[in-house]
All heavy atoms as atom14 arrays in JSON, in Angstrom:
{
  "sequence": "GVDKTTVETAIKTMPNYFADYDTVVNFVSVEELKKNHAELPHGGSVIR",
  "atom14_mask": [
    [1, 1, 1, 1, 0, 0, 0, 0, 0, 0, 0, 0, 0, 0],
    [1, 1, 1, 1, 1, 1, 1, 0, 0, 0, 0, 0, 0, 0],
    [1, 1, 1, 1, 1, 1, 1, 1, 0, 0, 0, 0, 0, 0],
    [1, 1, 1, 1, 1, 1, 1, 1, 1, 0, 0, 0, 0, 0],
    [1, 1, 1, 1, 1, 1, 1, 0, 0, 0, 0, 0, 0, 0],
    [1, 1, 1, 1, 1, 1, 1, 0, 0, 0, 0, 0, 0, 0],
    [1, 1, 1, 1, 1, 1, 1, 0, 0, 0, 0, 0, 0, 0],
    [1, 1, 1, 1, 1, 1, 1, 1, 1, 0, 0, 0, 0, 0],
    [1, 1, 1, 1, 1, 1, 1, 0, 0, 0, 0, 0, 0, 0],
    [1, 1, 1, 1, 1, 0, 0, 0, 0, 0, 0, 0, 0, 0],
    [1, 1, 1, 1, 1, 1, 1, 1, 0, 0, 0, 0, 0, 0],
    [1, 1, 1, 1, 1, 1, 1, 1, 1, 0, 0, 0, 0, 0],
    [1, 1, 1, 1, 1, 1, 1, 0, 0, 0, 0, 0, 0, 0],
    [1, 1, 1, 1, 1, 1, 1, 1, 0, 0, 0, 0, 0, 0],
    [1, 1, 1, 1, 1, 1, 1, 0, 0, 0, 0, 0, 0, 0],
    [1, 1, 1, 1, 1, 1, 1, 1, 0, 0, 0, 0, 0, 0],
    [1, 1, 1, 1, 1, 1, 1, 1, 1, 1, 1, 1, 0, 0],
    [1, 1, 1, 1, 1, 1, 1, 1, 1, 1, 1, 0, 0, 0],
    [1, 1, 1, 1, 1, 0, 0, 0, 0, 0, 0, 0, 0, 0],
    [1, 1, 1, 1, 1, 1, 1, 1, 0, 0, 0, 0, 0, 0],
    [1, 1, 1, 1, 1, 1, 1, 1, 1, 1, 1, 1, 0, 0],
    [1, 1, 1, 1, 1, 1, 1, 1, 0, 0, 0, 0, 0, 0],
    [1, 1, 1, 1, 1, 1, 1, 0, 0, 0, 0, 0, 0, 0],
    [1, 1, 1, 1, 1, 1, 1, 0, 0, 0, 0, 0, 0, 0],
    [1, 1, 1, 1, 1, 1, 1, 0, 0, 0, 0, 0, 0, 0],
    [1, 1, 1, 1, 1, 1, 1, 1, 0, 0, 0, 0, 0, 0],
    [1, 1, 1, 1, 1, 1, 1, 1, 1, 1, 1, 0, 0, 0],
    [1, 1, 1, 1, 1, 1, 1, 0, 0, 0, 0, 0, 0, 0],
    [1, 1, 1, 1, 1, 1, 0, 0, 0, 0, 0, 0, 0, 0],
    [1, 1, 1, 1, 1, 1, 1, 0, 0, 0, 0, 0, 0, 0],
    [1, 1, 1, 1, 1, 1, 1, 1, 1, 0, 0, 0, 0, 0],
    [1, 1, 1, 1, 1, 1, 1, 1, 1, 0, 0, 0, 0, 0],
    [1, 1, 1, 1, 1, 1, 1, 1, 0, 0, 0, 0, 0, 0],
    [1, 1, 1, 1, 1, 1, 1, 1, 1, 0, 0, 0, 0, 0],
    [1, 1, 1, 1, 1, 1, 1, 1, 1, 0, 0, 0, 0, 0],
    [1, 1, 1, 1, 1, 1, 1, 1, 0, 0, 0, 0, 0, 0],
    [1, 1, 1, 1, 1, 1, 1, 1, 1, 1, 0, 0, 0, 0],
    [1, 1, 1, 1, 1, 0, 0, 0, 0, 0, 0, 0, 0, 0],
    [1, 1, 1, 1, 1, 1, 1, 1, 1, 0, 0, 0, 0, 0],
    [1, 1, 1, 1, 1, 1, 1, 1, 0, 0, 0, 0, 0, 0],
    [1, 1, 1, 1, 1, 1, 1, 0, 0, 0, 0, 0, 0, 0],
    [1, 1, 1, 1, 1, 1, 1, 1, 1, 1, 0, 0, 0, 0],
    [1, 1, 1, 1, 0, 0, 0, 0, 0, 0, 0, 0, 0, 0],
    [1, 1, 1, 1, 0, 0, 0, 0, 0, 0, 0, 0, 0, 0],
    [1, 1, 1, 1, 1, 1, 0, 0, 0, 0, 0, 0, 0, 0],
    [1, 1, 1, 1, 1, 1, 1, 0, 0, 0, 0, 0, 0, 0],
    [1, 1, 1, 1, 1, 1, 1, 1, 0, 0, 0, 0, 0, 0],
    [1, 1, 1, 1, 1, 1, 1, 1, 1, 1, 1, 0, 0, 0]
  ],
  "atom14_positions": [
    [[0.78, -1.27, -0.01], [0.04, 0.05, 0.01], [0.77, 1.21, 0.13], [0.18, 2.34, -0.12], [0.0, 0.0, 0.0], [0.0, 0.0, 0.0], [0.0, 0.0, 0.0], [0.0, 0.0, 0.0], [0.0, 0.0, 0.0], [0.0, 0.0, 0.0], [0.0, 0.0, 0.0], [0.0, 0.0, 0.0], [0.0, 0.0, 0.0], [0.0, 0.0, 0.0]],
    [[2.05, 1.15, 0.22], [2.94, 2.26, 0.16], [3.16, 2.89, -1.21], [3.38, 2.05, -2.17], [4.29, 2.04, 0.82], [5.32, 3.28, 0.63], [4.19, 1.79, 2.3], [0.0, 0.0, 0.0], [0.0, 0.0, 0.0], [0.0, 0.0, 0.0], [0.0, 0.0, 0.0], [0.0, 0.0, 0.0], [0.0, 0.0, 0.0], [0.0, 0.0, 0.0]],
    [[3.06, 4.22, -1.34], [3.17, 4.8, -2.8], [4.72, 4.83, -3.15], [5.45, 5.51, -2.54], [2.6, 6.28, -2.74], [2.71, 6.88, -4.11], [2.04, 6.33, -5.04], [3.52, 7.77, -4.2], [0.0, 0.0, 0.0], [0.0, 0.0, 0.0], [0.0, 0.0, 0.0], [0.0, 0.0, 0.0], [0.0, 0.0, 0.0], [0.0, 0.0, 0.0]],
    [[5.01, 4.08, -4.22], [6.42, 3.84, -4.63], [6.98, 5.2, -5.11], [8.25, 5.42, -5.0], [6.42, 2.81, -5.55], [6.27, 1.48, -4.97], [6.36, 0.26, -6.02], [6.04, -0.99, -5.39], [6.05, -2.26, -6.32], [0.0, 0.0, 0.0], [0.0, 0.0, 0.0], [0.0, 0.0, 0.0], [0.0, 0.0, 0.0], [0.0, 0.0, 0.0]],
    [[6.19, 5.99, -5.86], [6.61, 7.19, -6.4], [7.05, 8.14, -5.25], [8.02, 8.85, -5.35], [5.53, 7.94, -7.2], [5.18, 6.99, -8.22], [5.92, 9.22, -7.78], [0.0, 0.0, 0.0], [0.0, 0.0, 0.0], [0.0, 0.0, 0.0], [0.0, 0.0, 0.0], [0.0, 0.0, 0.0], [0.0, 0.0, 0.0], [0.0, 0.0, 0.0]],
    [[6.34, 8.18, -4.15], [6.72, 9.04, -3.07], [8.08, 8.54, -2.4], [8.93, 9.34, -2.17], [5.61, 8.96, -1.94], [4.4, 9.36, -2.55], [6.08, 9.8, -0.81], [0.0, 0.0, 0.0], [0.0, 0.0, 0.0], [0.0, 0.0, 0.0], [0.0, 0.0, 0.0], [0.0, 0.0, 0.0], [0.0, 0.0, 0.0], [0.0, 0.0, 0.0]],
    [[8.18, 7.25, -2.22], [9.44, 6.76, -1.78], [10.55, 7.06, -2.77], [11.82, 7.46, -2.26], [9.41, 5.17, -1.49], [10.67, 4.65, -1.16], [8.35, 4.94, -0.42], [0.0, 0.0, 0.0], [0.0, 0.0, 0.0], [0.0, 0.0, 0.0], [0.0, 0.0, 0.0], [0.0, 0.0, 0.0], [0.0, 0.0, 0.0], [0.0, 0.0, 0.0]],
    [[10.44, 6.77, -4.01], [11.44, 7.07, -4.95], [11.94, 8.57, -4.93], [13.1, 8.79, -4.98], [11.03, 6.67, -6.4], [12.05, 6.85, -7.39], [11.69, 6.3, -8.71], [10.67, 5.55, -8.83], [12.46, 6.44, -9.82], [0.0, 0.0, 0.0], [0.0, 0.0, 0.0], [0.0, 0.0, 0.0], [0.0, 0.0, 0.0], [0.0, 0.0, 0.0]],
    [[10.98, 9.44, -4.85], [11.32, 10.89, -4.87], [12.04, 11.2, -3.5], [13.0, 11.95, -3.53], [9.98, 11.66, -4.87], [9.34, 11.43, -6.09], [10.34, 13.22, -4.69], [0.0, 0.0, 0.0], [0.0, 0.0, 0.0], [0.0, 0.0, 0.0], [0.0, 0.0, 0.0], [0.0, 0.0, 0.0], [0.0, 0.0, 0.0], [0.0, 0.0, 0.0]],
    [[11.64, 10.54, -2.34], [12.32, 10.88, -1.14], [13.85, 10.31, -1.23], [14.63, 11.07, -0.6], [11.6, 10.17, 0.0], [0.0, 0.0, 0.0], [0.0, 0.0, 0.0], [0.0, 0.0, 0.0], [0.0, 0.0, 0.0], [0.0, 0.0, 0.0], [0.0, 0.0, 0.0], [0.0, 0.0, 0.0], [0.0, 0.0, 0.0], [0.0, 0.0, 0.0]],
    [[14.05, 9.35, -1.96], [15.39, 8.9, -2.06], [16.18, 9.78, -2.95], [17.3, 10.15, -2.54], [15.39, 7.42, -2.7], [14.85, 6.4, -1.69], [16.82, 7.01, -3.0], [14.54, 5.03, -2.33], [0.0, 0.0, 0.0], [0.0, 0.0, 0.0], [0.0, 0.0, 0.0], [0.0, 0.0, 0.0], [0.0, 0.0, 0.0], [0.0, 0.0, 0.0]],
    [[15.71, 10.01, -4.12], [16.54, 10.78, -5.16], [16.73, 12.26, -4.74], [17.71, 12.81, -5.17], [15.71, 10.65, -6.33], [15.79, 9.41, -7.1], [15.11, 9.46, -8.53], [15.26, 8.14, -9.28], [14.75, 8.22, -10.57], [0.0, 0.0, 0.0], [0.0, 0.0, 0.0], [0.0, 0.0, 0.0], [0.0, 0.0, 0.0], [0.0, 0.0, 0.0]],
    [[16.05, 12.75, -3.81], [16.09, 14.15, -3.35], [16.75, 14.29, -1.98], [16.91, 15.33, -1.5], [14.85, 14.94, -3.3], [13.91, 14.24, -2.39], [14.21, 14.89, -4.77], [0.0, 0.0, 0.0], [0.0, 0.0, 0.0], [0.0, 0.0, 0.0], [0.0, 0.0, 0.0], [0.0, 0.0, 0.0], [0.0, 0.0, 0.0], [0.0, 0.0, 0.0]],
    [[17.24, 13.23, -1.43], [17.77, 13.23, -0.03], [19.13, 13.85, -0.06], [20.06, 13.3, -0.74], [17.9, 11.71, 0.38], [18.22, 11.6, 1.93], [18.53, 9.93, 2.43], [16.87, 9.17, 2.16], [0.0, 0.0, 0.0], [0.0, 0.0, 0.0], [0.0, 0.0, 0.0], [0.0, 0.0, 0.0], [0.0, 0.0, 0.0], [0.0, 0.0, 0.0]],
    [[19.24, 14.96, 0.66], [20.4, 15.72, 0.58], [21.66, 14.92, 1.32], [21.32, 14.07, 2.25], [20.24, 16.89, 1.49], [18.93, 16.51, 2.34], [18.19, 15.6, 1.54], [0.0, 0.0, 0.0], [0.0, 0.0, 0.0], [0.0, 0.0, 0.0], [0.0, 0.0, 0.0], [0.0, 0.0, 0.0], [0.0, 0.0, 0.0], [0.0, 0.0, 0.0]],
    [[22.88, 15.02, 0.89], [24.13, 14.52, 1.4], [24.16, 12.92, 1.09], [25.29, 12.42, 1.33], [24.18, 14.6, 3.04], [24.18, 16.09, 3.49], [24.79, 16.88, 2.8], [23.33, 16.37, 4.44], [0.0, 0.0, 0.0], [0.0, 0.0, 0.0], [0.0, 0.0, 0.0], [0.0, 0.0, 0.0], [0.0, 0.0, 0.0], [0.0, 0.0, 0.0]],
    [[23.15, 12.38, 0.48], [23.18, 10.96, 0.23], [23.01, 10.81, -1.28], [23.76, 10.04, -1.92], [22.12, 10.28, 1.05], [22.57, 10.0, 2.52], [22.21, 10.93, 3.45], [23.28, 8.9, 2.87], [22.61, 10.75, 4.79], [23.65, 8.65, 4.18], [23.21, 9.58, 5.07], [23.59, 9.48, 6.43], [0.0, 0.0, 0.0], [0.0, 0.0, 0.0]],
    [[21.84, 11.31, -1.88], [21.49, 10.95, -3.21], [21.29, 12.11, -4.13], [21.28, 11.93, -5.38], [20.32, 10.01, -3.16], [20.43, 8.7, -2.49], [19.8, 8.56, -1.22], [21.05, 7.74, -3.07], [20.09, 7.45, -0.53], [21.15, 6.5, -2.45], [20.74, 6.35, -1.11], [0.0, 0.0, 0.0], [0.0, 0.0, 0.0], [0.0, 0.0, 0.0]],
    [[20.94, 13.2, -3.59], [20.57, 14.48, -4.4], [21.69, 14.95, -5.38], [21.32, 15.28, -6.5], [20.34, 15.63, -3.43], [0.0, 0.0, 0.0], [0.0, 0.0, 0.0], [0.0, 0.0, 0.0], [0.0, 0.0, 0.0], [0.0, 0.0, 0.0], [0.0, 0.0, 0.0], [0.0, 0.0, 0.0], [0.0, 0.0, 0.0], [0.0, 0.0, 0.0]],
    [[22.91, 14.55, -5.16], [24.08, 15.01, -6.04], [24.4, 13.92, -6.94], [25.41, 14.09, -7.78], [25.15, 15.46, -5.16], [24.93, 16.72, -4.54], [24.09, 17.46, -4.87], [25.55, 16.76, -3.26], [0.0, 0.0, 0.0], [0.0, 0.0, 0.0], [0.0, 0.0, 0.0], [0.0, 0.0, 0.0], [0.0, 0.0, 0.0], [0.0, 0.0, 0.0]],
    [[23.73, 12.82, -7.1], [23.99, 11.71, -7.9], [22.84, 11.31, -8.85], [21.68, 11.39, -8.5], [24.29, 10.35, -6.99], [25.51, 10.63, -6.09], [25.45, 11.17, -4.87], [26.78, 10.15, -6.5], [26.48, 11.35, -3.99], [27.91, 10.33, -5.73], [27.84, 11.02, -4.44], [28.75, 11.13, -3.48], [0.0, 0.0, 0.0], [0.0, 0.0, 0.0]],
    [[23.29, 10.71, -9.94], [22.25, 9.83, -10.74], [21.93, 8.66, -9.86], [22.77, 7.9, -9.54], [22.85, 9.52, -12.05], [22.97, 10.68, -13.01], [22.28, 11.73, -12.8], [23.87, 10.67, -13.88], [0.0, 0.0, 0.0], [0.0, 0.0, 0.0], [0.0, 0.0, 0.0], [0.0, 0.0, 0.0], [0.0, 0.0, 0.0], [0.0, 0.0, 0.0]],
    [[20.63, 8.56, -9.61], [20.16, 7.43, -8.8], [19.07, 6.69, -9.53], [18.1, 7.15, -10.04], [19.55, 8.12, -7.42], [20.63, 8.88, -6.83], [19.13, 6.85, -6.46], [0.0, 0.0, 0.0], [0.0, 0.0, 0.0], [0.0, 0.0, 0.0], [0.0, 0.0, 0.0], [0.0, 0.0, 0.0], [0.0, 0.0, 0.0], [0.0, 0.0, 0.0]],
    [[19.33, 5.3, -9.46], [18.22, 4.45, -9.98], [17.57, 3.6, -8.79], [18.42, 2.91, -7.98], [18.91, 3.45, -10.98], [17.89, 2.43, -11.54], [19.54, 4.15, -12.1], [0.0, 0.0, 0.0], [0.0, 0.0, 0.0], [0.0, 0.0, 0.0], [0.0, 0.0, 0.0], [0.0, 0.0, 0.0], [0.0, 0.0, 0.0], [0.0, 0.0, 0.0]],
    [[16.27, 3.64, -8.77], [15.58, 2.8, -7.72], [14.83, 1.7, -8.28], [14.06, 1.9, -9.14], [14.6, 3.85, -6.93], [13.83, 3.1, -5.89], [15.34, 5.04, -6.44], [0.0, 0.0, 0.0], [0.0, 0.0, 0.0], [0.0, 0.0, 0.0], [0.0, 0.0, 0.0], [0.0, 0.0, 0.0], [0.0, 0.0, 0.0], [0.0, 0.0, 0.0]],
    [[15.13, 0.49, -7.69], [14.45, -0.7, -8.12], [13.63, -1.23, -7.09], [14.22, -1.5, -5.93], [15.48, -1.74, -8.54], [16.42, -1.32, -9.67], [15.93, -1.18, -10.96], [17.57, -0.93, -9.31], [0.0, 0.0, 0.0], [0.0, 0.0, 0.0], [0.0, 0.0, 0.0], [0.0, 0.0, 0.0], [0.0, 0.0, 0.0], [0.0, 0.0, 0.0]],
    [[12.33, -1.37, -7.22], [11.51, -1.93, -6.12], [11.42, -3.42, -6.23], [11.04, -4.01, -7.37], [10.11, -1.34, -6.21], [10.18, 0.13, -5.71], [10.15, 1.11, -6.67], [10.18, 0.54, -4.34], [10.13, 2.52, -6.14], [10.23, 1.73, -3.98], [10.22, 2.89, -4.94], [0.0, 0.0, 0.0], [0.0, 0.0, 0.0], [0.0, 0.0, 0.0]],
    [[11.84, -4.16, -5.13], [11.79, -5.63, -5.19], [11.05, -6.03, -3.93], [10.89, -5.32, -3.0], [13.13, -6.2, -5.24], [13.91, -5.68, -6.58], [14.05, -5.74, -4.03], [0.0, 0.0, 0.0], [0.0, 0.0, 0.0], [0.0, 0.0, 0.0], [0.0, 0.0, 0.0], [0.0, 0.0, 0.0], [0.0, 0.0, 0.0], [0.0, 0.0, 0.0]],
    [[10.9, -7.38, -3.74], [10.26, -8.08, -2.54], [11.32, -8.21, -1.54], [12.49, -8.26, -1.91], [9.57, -9.37, -2.85], [10.62, -10.28, -3.21], [0.0, 0.0, 0.0], [0.0, 0.0, 0.0], [0.0, 0.0, 0.0], [0.0, 0.0, 0.0], [0.0, 0.0, 0.0], [0.0, 0.0, 0.0], [0.0, 0.0, 0.0], [0.0, 0.0, 0.0]],
    [[10.93, -8.38, -0.27], [11.81, -8.7, 0.83], [12.53, -9.97, 0.52], [13.75, -10.18, 0.82], [11.12, -8.78, 2.14], [11.98, -9.16, 3.29], [10.48, -7.39, 2.63], [0.0, 0.0, 0.0], [0.0, 0.0, 0.0], [0.0, 0.0, 0.0], [0.0, 0.0, 0.0], [0.0, 0.0, 0.0], [0.0, 0.0, 0.0], [0.0, 0.0, 0.0]],
    [[11.92, -10.98, -0.05], [12.42, -12.21, -0.39], [13.57, -12.1, -1.38], [14.61, -12.73, -1.22], [11.41, -13.2, -0.88], [10.35, -13.61, 0.18], [9.38, -12.45, 0.62], [9.16, -11.58, -0.28], [8.8, -12.5, 1.67], [0.0, 0.0, 0.0], [0.0, 0.0, 0.0], [0.0, 0.0, 0.0], [0.0, 0.0, 0.0], [0.0, 0.0, 0.0]],
    [[13.36, -11.19, -2.28], [14.37, -11.05, -3.36], [15.52, -10.3, -2.82], [16.79, -10.68, -3.11], [13.86, -10.23, -4.52], [14.82, -10.1, -5.69], [14.31, -9.48, -6.97], [13.06, -9.4, -7.07], [15.15, -8.85, -7.75], [0.0, 0.0, 0.0], [0.0, 0.0, 0.0], [0.0, 0.0, 0.0], [0.0, 0.0, 0.0], [0.0, 0.0, 0.0]],
    [[15.43, -9.36, -1.86], [16.49, -8.72, -1.17], [17.31, -9.74, -0.46], [18.53, -9.72, -0.55], [15.96, -7.69, -0.23], [15.79, -6.2, -0.86], [15.23, -5.34, 0.35], [17.13, -5.64, -1.3], [0.0, 0.0, 0.0], [0.0, 0.0, 0.0], [0.0, 0.0, 0.0], [0.0, 0.0, 0.0], [0.0, 0.0, 0.0], [0.0, 0.0, 0.0]],
    [[16.72, -10.75, 0.34], [17.45, -11.59, 1.06], [18.06, -12.64, 0.24], [19.29, -13.09, 0.46], [16.41, -12.3, 2.05], [15.94, -11.47, 3.04], [14.91, -12.25, 3.98], [14.34, -11.49, 5.12], [13.38, -12.21, 5.96], [0.0, 0.0, 0.0], [0.0, 0.0, 0.0], [0.0, 0.0, 0.0], [0.0, 0.0, 0.0], [0.0, 0.0, 0.0]],
    [[17.51, -12.93, -1.0], [18.13, -13.99, -1.86], [19.28, -13.39, -2.62], [20.39, -14.03, -2.76], [17.06, -14.41, -2.81], [17.62, -15.54, -3.85], [16.46, -15.96, -4.67], [16.99, -17.05, -5.69], [15.88, -17.45, -6.67], [0.0, 0.0, 0.0], [0.0, 0.0, 0.0], [0.0, 0.0, 0.0], [0.0, 0.0, 0.0], [0.0, 0.0, 0.0]],
    [[19.2, -12.24, -3.11], [20.14, -11.6, -4.16], [20.95, -10.51, -3.59], [21.88, -10.18, -4.26], [19.4, -11.11, -5.39], [18.57, -12.26, -6.12], [19.1, -13.37, -6.07], [17.59, -12.03, -6.78], [0.0, 0.0, 0.0], [0.0, 0.0, 0.0], [0.0, 0.0, 0.0], [0.0, 0.0, 0.0], [0.0, 0.0, 0.0], [0.0, 0.0, 0.0]],
    [[20.65, -10.06, -2.43], [21.44, -8.78, -2.03], [21.77, -8.97, -0.49], [21.78, -7.91, 0.25], [20.5, -7.52, -2.23], [20.11, -7.36, -3.55], [21.03, -6.92, -4.58], [18.95, -7.65, -4.31], [20.5, -6.93, -5.76], [19.14, -7.27, -5.56], [0.0, 0.0, 0.0], [0.0, 0.0, 0.0], [0.0, 0.0, 0.0], [0.0, 0.0, 0.0]],
    [[21.96, -10.14, -0.01], [22.21, -10.38, 1.42], [23.74, -10.1, 1.78], [24.12, -9.79, 2.91], [21.89, -11.79, 1.89], [0.0, 0.0, 0.0], [0.0, 0.0, 0.0], [0.0, 0.0, 0.0], [0.0, 0.0, 0.0], [0.0, 0.0, 0.0], [0.0, 0.0, 0.0], [0.0, 0.0, 0.0], [0.0, 0.0, 0.0], [0.0, 0.0, 0.0]],
    [[24.65, -10.17, 0.72], [26.09, -10.17, 1.08], [26.56, -8.74, 1.06], [25.77, -7.67, 0.7], [26.77, -10.78, -0.14], [26.46, -12.32, -0.23], [26.7, -13.14, 1.03], [27.9, -12.71, 1.67], [26.07, -13.95, 1.26], [0.0, 0.0, 0.0], [0.0, 0.0, 0.0], [0.0, 0.0, 0.0], [0.0, 0.0, 0.0], [0.0, 0.0, 0.0]],
    [[27.72, -8.43, 1.38], [28.35, -7.07, 1.57], [29.58, -6.73, 0.76], [30.73, -6.65, 1.38], [28.6, -6.74, 3.01], [27.37, -6.7, 3.98], [27.72, -6.7, 5.41], [26.37, -5.58, 3.56], [0.0, 0.0, 0.0], [0.0, 0.0, 0.0], [0.0, 0.0, 0.0], [0.0, 0.0, 0.0], [0.0, 0.0, 0.0], [0.0, 0.0, 0.0]],
    [[29.43, -7.09, -0.65], [30.71, -6.82, -1.43], [31.06, -5.29, -1.5], [30.25, -4.34, -1.25], [30.19, -7.4, -2.79], [28.77, -7.09, -2.77], [28.26, -7.29, -1.35], [0.0, 0.0, 0.0], [0.0, 0.0, 0.0], [0.0, 0.0, 0.0], [0.0, 0.0, 0.0], [0.0, 0.0, 0.0], [0.0, 0.0, 0.0], [0.0, 0.0, 0.0]],
    [[32.24, -5.1, -1.77], [32.73, -3.48, -2.09], [34.02, -3.67, -2.86], [34.56, -4.72, -3.27], [32.71, -2.84, -0.78], [32.3, -1.42, -0.96], [32.53, -0.59, -2.1], [31.32, -0.68, -0.31], [31.84, 0.61, -1.94], [31.18, 0.58, -0.97], [0.0, 0.0, 0.0], [0.0, 0.0, 0.0], [0.0, 0.0, 0.0], [0.0, 0.0, 0.0]],
    [[34.67, -2.51, -2.94], [35.9, -2.28, -3.6], [36.04, -0.9, -4.16], [35.36, 0.01, -3.94], [0.0, 0.0, 0.0], [0.0, 0.0, 0.0], [0.0, 0.0, 0.0], [0.0, 0.0, 0.0], [0.0, 0.0, 0.0], [0.0, 0.0, 0.0], [0.0, 0.0, 0.0], [0.0, 0.0, 0.0], [0.0, 0.0, 0.0], [0.0, 0.0, 0.0]],
    [[36.99, -0.84, -5.15], [37.21, 0.43, -5.84], [38.7, 0.66, -6.17], [39.47, -0.37, -6.18], [0.0, 0.0, 0.0], [0.0, 0.0, 0.0], [0.0, 0.0, 0.0], [0.0, 0.0, 0.0], [0.0, 0.0, 0.0], [0.0, 0.0, 0.0], [0.0, 0.0, 0.0], [0.0, 0.0, 0.0], [0.0, 0.0, 0.0], [0.0, 0.0, 0.0]],
    [[38.98, 1.84, -6.73], [40.18, 2.08, -7.32], [40.68, 3.48, -6.91], [39.92, 4.42, -6.78], [40.18, 1.97, -8.82], [39.89, 0.78, -9.23], [0.0, 0.0, 0.0], [0.0, 0.0, 0.0], [0.0, 0.0, 0.0], [0.0, 0.0, 0.0], [0.0, 0.0, 0.0], [0.0, 0.0, 0.0], [0.0, 0.0, 0.0], [0.0, 0.0, 0.0]],
    [[42.11, 3.54, -6.55], [42.62, 4.81, -6.42], [43.63, 4.91, -7.74], [44.55, 4.15, -7.96], [43.58, 4.87, -5.2], [44.4, 6.14, -5.19], [42.78, 4.81, -4.04], [0.0, 0.0, 0.0], [0.0, 0.0, 0.0], [0.0, 0.0, 0.0], [0.0, 0.0, 0.0], [0.0, 0.0, 0.0], [0.0, 0.0, 0.0], [0.0, 0.0, 0.0]],
    [[43.43, 5.98, -8.42], [44.3, 6.23, -9.71], [44.97, 7.66, -9.6], [44.14, 8.58, -9.27], [43.35, 6.12, -10.88], [42.55, 4.88, -10.85], [44.2, 6.23, -12.23], [41.49, 4.81, -12.0], [0.0, 0.0, 0.0], [0.0, 0.0, 0.0], [0.0, 0.0, 0.0], [0.0, 0.0, 0.0], [0.0, 0.0, 0.0], [0.0, 0.0, 0.0]],
    [[46.17, 7.6, -9.92], [46.86, 8.85, -9.99], [47.29, 8.97, -11.48], [48.1, 8.12, -12.02], [48.18, 8.73, -9.12], [49.06, 10.08, -9.16], [48.59, 11.19, -8.41], [49.53, 12.34, -8.52], [49.25, 13.38, -7.92], [48.16, 13.64, -7.22], [50.09, 14.38, -7.88], [0.0, 0.0, 0.0], [0.0, 0.0, 0.0], [0.0, 0.0, 0.0]]
  ]
}
């Protein structure tokens, strides 16, 4: 029953977190989050 458009707008306009970035919001089920996004990968690069 939650309005997804409202949530998406709140995310994309959130200062200090998302407002300065191109942001893509994908709505999924709790089950899909647990199945496909339970891990904590990361990384990156430092380039001079």
